[in-house]
């Protein structure tokens, strides 16, 4: 199983988190499909997505869904690490399906008794 470090770990976690969003929204698309749309033609014979299939079983990914994240932090991570093609593939899918979304942050909500 591949081991991740530094930015590779950030990207791997962002992809696990993105896959969680896609599954939660019950969308018929996966991170693996977005990755393929983003990179298959660009990388040609060097294209390889086998590592994506192993993300969920990788012990380094166990806390990816326990960390705080939003769709914005996922996109920021992908853009910062040079994975704009995945973001573009995601945005095309969102537009094609006419999906509307918004961000909501709740920090330090006081408890009322």
N, C-alpha and C. Protein backbone atom coordinates (compact mmCIF):
# COMPACT_ATOMS: atom_id res chain seq x y z
N UNK A 1 0.84 -1.17 0.00
CA UNK A 1 0.00 0.00 0.00
C UNK A 1 0.88 1.24 0.00
N UNK A 2 0.59 2.22 -0.85
CA UNK A 2 1.45 3.40 -0.90
C UNK A 2 1.38 4.20 0.40
N UNK A 3 2.53 4.81 0.72
CA UNK A 3 2.58 5.69 1.89
C UNK A 3 2.63 7.11 1.38
N UNK A 4 2.01 7.99 2.11
CA UNK A 4 1.92 9.38 1.70
C UNK A 4 2.65 10.26 2.69
N UNK A 5 3.17 11.36 2.20
CA UNK A 5 3.81 12.33 3.07
C UNK A 5 3.61 13.72 2.52
N UNK A 6 3.67 14.72 3.38
CA UNK A 6 3.59 16.12 2.96
C UNK A 6 2.37 16.43 2.14
N UNK A 7 2.61 17.05 0.97
CA UNK A 7 1.50 17.45 0.11
C UNK A 7 0.75 16.24 -0.44
N UNK A 8 1.45 15.12 -0.64
CA UNK A 8 0.76 13.92 -1.13
C UNK A 8 -0.29 13.46 -0.13
N UNK A 9 0.03 13.58 1.15
CA UNK A 9 -0.92 13.21 2.20
C UNK A 9 -2.11 14.17 2.18
N UNK A 10 -1.85 15.47 2.00
CA UNK A 10 -2.93 16.45 1.93
C UNK A 10 -3.86 16.16 0.76
N UNK A 11 -3.29 15.84 -0.39
CA UNK A 11 -4.09 15.54 -1.57
C UNK A 11 -4.91 14.27 -1.34
N UNK A 12 -4.28 13.24 -0.81
CA UNK A 12 -4.98 11.98 -0.57
C UNK A 12 -6.15 12.19 0.39
N UNK A 13 -5.93 12.96 1.46
CA UNK A 13 -7.02 13.24 2.40
C UNK A 13 -8.12 14.05 1.74
N UNK A 14 -7.75 15.04 0.94
CA UNK A 14 -8.76 15.85 0.25
C UNK A 14 -9.60 14.98 -0.68
N UNK A 15 -8.99 14.02 -1.34
CA UNK A 15 -9.74 13.14 -2.24
C UNK A 15 -10.67 12.21 -1.47
N UNK A 16 -10.24 11.73 -0.31
CA UNK A 16 -11.12 10.92 0.54
C UNK A 16 -12.30 11.77 1.00
N UNK A 17 -12.04 13.00 1.40
CA UNK A 17 -13.09 13.90 1.85
C UNK A 17 -14.04 14.23 0.70
N UNK A 18 -13.51 14.47 -0.48
CA UNK A 18 -14.35 14.74 -1.65
C UNK A 18 -15.22 13.54 -1.98
N UNK A 19 -14.66 12.36 -1.89
CA UNK A 19 -15.45 11.15 -2.16
C UNK A 19 -16.60 11.04 -1.16
N UNK A 20 -16.34 11.41 0.10
CA UNK A 20 -17.38 11.42 1.12
C UNK A 20 -18.52 12.35 0.71
N UNK A 21 -18.19 13.57 0.25
CA UNK A 21 -19.21 14.51 -0.21
C UNK A 21 -20.02 13.92 -1.36
N UNK A 22 -19.33 13.34 -2.33
CA UNK A 22 -20.03 12.79 -3.50
C UNK A 22 -20.98 11.67 -3.09
N UNK A 23 -20.53 10.81 -2.16
CA UNK A 23 -21.40 9.72 -1.68
C UNK A 23 -22.56 10.26 -0.85
N UNK A 24 -22.30 11.25 -0.01
CA UNK A 24 -23.34 11.83 0.84
C UNK A 24 -24.43 12.48 -0.01
N UNK A 25 -24.03 13.11 -1.11
CA UNK A 25 -25.00 13.74 -2.01
C UNK A 25 -25.63 12.73 -2.96
N UNK A 26 -25.19 11.48 -2.84
CA UNK A 26 -25.71 10.38 -3.66
C UNK A 26 -25.54 10.68 -5.16
N UNK A 27 -24.38 11.23 -5.49
CA UNK A 27 -24.09 11.52 -6.89
C UNK A 27 -23.50 10.29 -7.56
N UNK A 28 -23.87 10.04 -8.78
CA UNK A 28 -23.37 8.85 -9.48
C UNK A 28 -22.00 9.08 -10.11
N UNK A 29 -21.10 9.71 -9.36
CA UNK A 29 -19.74 9.93 -9.83
C UNK A 29 -18.79 9.75 -8.65
N UNK A 30 -17.61 9.26 -8.93
CA UNK A 30 -16.63 9.03 -7.87
C UNK A 30 -15.39 9.88 -8.11
N UNK A 31 -14.55 9.95 -7.11
CA UNK A 31 -13.28 10.65 -7.25
C UNK A 31 -12.44 9.98 -8.35
N UNK A 32 -12.51 8.68 -8.40
CA UNK A 32 -11.74 7.96 -9.43
C UNK A 32 -12.18 8.39 -10.84
N UNK A 33 -13.46 8.58 -11.04
CA UNK A 33 -13.96 9.03 -12.34
C UNK A 33 -13.54 10.48 -12.62
N UNK A 34 -13.58 11.34 -11.61
CA UNK A 34 -13.12 12.72 -11.79
C UNK A 34 -11.62 12.75 -12.13
N UNK A 35 -10.86 11.92 -11.43
CA UNK A 35 -9.42 11.84 -11.67
C UNK A 35 -9.15 11.39 -13.10
N UNK A 36 -9.91 10.41 -13.56
CA UNK A 36 -9.74 9.91 -14.93
C UNK A 36 -10.06 11.02 -15.94
N UNK A 37 -11.16 11.72 -15.73
CA UNK A 37 -11.52 12.82 -16.63
C UNK A 37 -10.45 13.90 -16.66
N UNK A 38 -9.83 14.11 -15.51
CA UNK A 38 -8.82 15.16 -15.40
C UNK A 38 -7.48 14.77 -16.03
N UNK A 39 -7.11 13.49 -15.93
CA UNK A 39 -5.73 13.13 -16.27
C UNK A 39 -5.53 12.06 -17.35
N UNK A 40 -6.54 11.30 -17.72
CA UNK A 40 -6.30 10.20 -18.67
C UNK A 40 -5.68 10.70 -19.98
N UNK A 41 -6.29 11.67 -20.62
CA UNK A 41 -5.76 12.18 -21.89
C UNK A 41 -4.42 12.88 -21.71
N UNK A 42 -4.29 13.61 -20.64
CA UNK A 42 -3.08 14.39 -20.37
C UNK A 42 -1.88 13.48 -20.15
N UNK A 43 -2.08 12.37 -19.46
CA UNK A 43 -0.95 11.49 -19.11
C UNK A 43 -0.78 10.32 -20.08
N UNK A 44 -1.78 10.07 -20.90
CA UNK A 44 -1.66 9.02 -21.91
C UNK A 44 -1.25 7.67 -21.35
N UNK A 45 -0.19 7.10 -21.90
CA UNK A 45 0.29 5.78 -21.46
C UNK A 45 0.81 5.78 -20.02
N UNK A 46 1.06 6.94 -19.47
CA UNK A 46 1.58 7.04 -18.10
C UNK A 46 0.46 7.20 -17.07
N UNK A 47 -0.77 7.17 -17.54
CA UNK A 47 -1.92 7.32 -16.62
C UNK A 47 -2.00 6.09 -15.71
N UNK A 48 -2.19 6.32 -14.42
CA UNK A 48 -2.34 5.22 -13.46
C UNK A 48 -3.17 5.73 -12.29
N UNK A 49 -4.29 5.09 -12.04
CA UNK A 49 -5.16 5.52 -10.93
C UNK A 49 -5.34 4.43 -9.88
N UNK A 50 -4.49 3.42 -9.93
CA UNK A 50 -4.64 2.30 -8.98
C UNK A 50 -4.51 2.76 -7.54
N UNK A 51 -3.71 3.77 -7.27
CA UNK A 51 -3.51 4.24 -5.91
C UNK A 51 -4.81 4.78 -5.30
N UNK A 52 -5.72 5.27 -6.14
CA UNK A 52 -6.99 5.79 -5.63
C UNK A 52 -7.84 4.70 -5.00
N UNK A 53 -7.77 3.50 -5.56
CA UNK A 53 -8.56 2.38 -5.04
C UNK A 53 -8.11 1.98 -3.64
N UNK A 54 -6.90 2.31 -3.28
CA UNK A 54 -6.35 1.90 -2.00
C UNK A 54 -6.48 2.96 -0.91
N UNK A 55 -7.02 4.12 -1.25
CA UNK A 55 -7.09 5.20 -0.27
C UNK A 55 -7.91 4.82 0.96
N UNK A 56 -9.08 4.24 0.75
CA UNK A 56 -9.96 3.95 1.88
C UNK A 56 -9.35 2.94 2.85
N UNK A 57 -8.52 2.02 2.34
CA UNK A 57 -7.91 1.00 3.21
C UNK A 57 -6.61 1.46 3.84
N UNK A 58 -6.09 2.59 3.42
CA UNK A 58 -4.80 3.07 3.90
C UNK A 58 -4.93 3.60 5.32
N UNK A 59 -4.12 3.07 6.25
CA UNK A 59 -4.20 3.52 7.65
C UNK A 59 -3.96 5.03 7.82
N UNK A 60 -3.21 5.63 6.91
CA UNK A 60 -2.95 7.07 7.00
C UNK A 60 -4.20 7.89 6.70
N UNK A 61 -5.22 7.27 6.14
CA UNK A 61 -6.44 7.98 5.77
C UNK A 61 -7.54 7.86 6.82
N UNK A 62 -7.30 7.10 7.88
CA UNK A 62 -8.36 6.84 8.85
C UNK A 62 -8.89 8.11 9.50
N UNK A 63 -8.06 9.12 9.64
CA UNK A 63 -8.53 10.35 10.28
C UNK A 63 -8.95 11.43 9.30
N UNK A 64 -8.94 11.14 8.01
CA UNK A 64 -9.28 12.15 7.00
C UNK A 64 -10.69 12.69 7.19
N UNK A 65 -11.62 11.84 7.60
CA UNK A 65 -13.00 12.28 7.80
C UNK A 65 -13.24 12.81 9.21
N UNK A 66 -12.27 12.61 10.09
CA UNK A 66 -12.38 13.12 11.46
C UNK A 66 -11.88 14.55 11.56
N UNK A 67 -11.05 14.95 10.60
CA UNK A 67 -10.53 16.31 10.58
C UNK A 67 -11.60 17.26 10.08
N UNK A 68 -11.58 18.51 10.53
CA UNK A 68 -12.56 19.47 10.01
C UNK A 68 -12.27 19.76 8.53
N UNK A 69 -13.32 19.73 7.70
CA UNK A 69 -13.17 20.04 6.28
C UNK A 69 -14.48 20.52 5.71
N UNK A 70 -14.36 21.27 4.63
CA UNK A 70 -15.52 21.75 3.88
C UNK A 70 -15.20 21.54 2.40
N UNK A 71 -16.17 21.76 1.56
CA UNK A 71 -15.89 21.68 0.13
C UNK A 71 -14.84 22.73 -0.25
N UNK A 72 -14.85 23.87 0.42
CA UNK A 72 -13.87 24.92 0.13
C UNK A 72 -12.45 24.48 0.50
N UNK A 73 -12.28 23.82 1.65
CA UNK A 73 -10.93 23.38 2.03
C UNK A 73 -10.43 22.29 1.09
N UNK A 74 -11.33 21.46 0.61
CA UNK A 74 -10.94 20.42 -0.35
C UNK A 74 -10.44 21.07 -1.64
N UNK A 75 -11.20 22.01 -2.17
CA UNK A 75 -10.82 22.69 -3.41
C UNK A 75 -9.53 23.46 -3.21
N UNK A 76 -9.38 24.15 -2.08
CA UNK A 76 -8.15 24.90 -1.79
C UNK A 76 -6.94 23.98 -1.80
N UNK A 77 -7.07 22.82 -1.17
CA UNK A 77 -5.96 21.86 -1.13
C UNK A 77 -5.60 21.38 -2.53
N UNK A 78 -6.61 21.03 -3.30
CA UNK A 78 -6.35 20.55 -4.66
C UNK A 78 -5.71 21.63 -5.52
N UNK A 79 -6.17 22.86 -5.41
CA UNK A 79 -5.61 23.95 -6.19
C UNK A 79 -4.17 24.25 -5.75
N UNK A 80 -3.94 24.29 -4.45
CA UNK A 80 -2.61 24.62 -3.90
C UNK A 80 -1.57 23.57 -4.31
N UNK A 81 -2.00 22.33 -4.49
CA UNK A 81 -1.06 21.25 -4.79
C UNK A 81 -1.00 20.90 -6.27
N UNK A 82 -1.56 21.77 -7.12
CA UNK A 82 -1.43 21.58 -8.55
C UNK A 82 -2.43 20.63 -9.18
N UNK A 83 -3.54 20.38 -8.50
CA UNK A 83 -4.56 19.47 -9.03
C UNK A 83 -5.79 20.22 -9.54
N UNK A 84 -5.54 21.35 -10.18
CA UNK A 84 -6.62 22.13 -10.78
C UNK A 84 -7.45 21.31 -11.77
N UNK A 85 -6.85 20.37 -12.54
CA UNK A 85 -7.67 19.58 -13.47
C UNK A 85 -8.79 18.79 -12.77
N UNK A 86 -8.56 18.33 -11.55
CA UNK A 86 -9.62 17.62 -10.82
C UNK A 86 -10.72 18.61 -10.45
N UNK A 87 -10.34 19.79 -10.02
CA UNK A 87 -11.33 20.81 -9.66
C UNK A 87 -12.15 21.19 -10.88
N UNK A 88 -11.49 21.35 -12.03
CA UNK A 88 -12.22 21.67 -13.26
C UNK A 88 -13.20 20.56 -13.62
N UNK A 89 -12.77 19.29 -13.51
CA UNK A 89 -13.65 18.16 -13.80
C UNK A 89 -14.85 18.16 -12.85
N UNK A 90 -14.61 18.48 -11.57
CA UNK A 90 -15.68 18.55 -10.58
C UNK A 90 -16.65 19.68 -10.92
N UNK A 91 -16.12 20.84 -11.27
CA UNK A 91 -16.98 21.98 -11.59
C UNK A 91 -17.82 21.71 -12.84
N UNK A 92 -17.26 21.04 -13.82
CA UNK A 92 -18.03 20.67 -15.01
C UNK A 92 -19.19 19.76 -14.64
N UNK A 93 -18.92 18.82 -13.74
CA UNK A 93 -19.96 17.88 -13.30
C UNK A 93 -21.05 18.61 -12.52
N UNK A 94 -20.65 19.55 -11.68
CA UNK A 94 -21.61 20.34 -10.90
C UNK A 94 -22.50 21.16 -11.83
N UNK A 95 -21.90 21.80 -12.82
CA UNK A 95 -22.68 22.59 -13.78
C UNK A 95 -23.60 21.69 -14.60
N UNK A 96 -23.06 20.55 -15.05
CA UNK A 96 -23.85 19.63 -15.89
C UNK A 96 -25.09 19.13 -15.14
N UNK A 97 -24.96 18.90 -13.86
CA UNK A 97 -26.07 18.39 -13.05
C UNK A 97 -26.88 19.51 -12.40
N UNK A 98 -26.50 20.77 -12.64
CA UNK A 98 -27.18 21.93 -12.09
C UNK A 98 -27.29 21.84 -10.57
N UNK A 99 -26.18 21.53 -9.94
CA UNK A 99 -26.13 21.42 -8.48
C UNK A 99 -25.83 22.79 -7.89
N UNK A 100 -26.63 23.21 -6.94
CA UNK A 100 -26.43 24.46 -6.22
C UNK A 100 -25.93 24.13 -4.82
N UNK A 101 -24.97 24.91 -4.33
CA UNK A 101 -24.49 24.66 -2.98
C UNK A 101 -24.07 25.96 -2.32
N UNK A 102 -23.96 25.90 -1.01
CA UNK A 102 -23.55 27.05 -0.23
C UNK A 102 -22.67 26.55 0.91
N UNK A 103 -21.90 27.43 1.50
CA UNK A 103 -21.06 27.10 2.64
C UNK A 103 -21.70 27.67 3.90
N UNK A 104 -21.67 26.89 4.96
CA UNK A 104 -22.15 27.37 6.25
C UNK A 104 -21.12 26.99 7.31
N UNK A 105 -20.75 27.93 8.12
CA UNK A 105 -19.79 27.68 9.18
C UNK A 105 -20.47 27.96 10.52
N UNK A 106 -20.32 27.05 11.45
CA UNK A 106 -20.81 27.27 12.80
C UNK A 106 -19.65 27.01 13.74
N UNK A 107 -19.23 28.06 14.41
CA UNK A 107 -18.08 27.95 15.30
C UNK A 107 -18.51 28.41 16.68
N UNK A 108 -18.29 27.58 17.67
CA UNK A 108 -18.54 27.96 19.05
C UNK A 108 -19.97 28.30 19.36
N UNK A 109 -20.89 27.50 18.88
CA UNK A 109 -22.31 27.74 19.19
C UNK A 109 -22.52 27.56 20.70
N UNK A 110 -23.05 28.58 21.35
CA UNK A 110 -23.28 28.43 22.80
C UNK A 110 -24.44 27.48 23.07
N UNK A 111 -24.30 26.73 24.15
CA UNK A 111 -25.36 25.81 24.55
C UNK A 111 -26.40 26.57 25.37
N UNK A 112 -27.65 26.30 25.08
CA UNK A 112 -28.73 26.91 25.85
C UNK A 112 -29.45 25.81 26.60
N UNK A 113 -29.61 26.03 27.87
CA UNK A 113 -30.26 25.01 28.71
C UNK A 113 -31.62 25.47 29.13
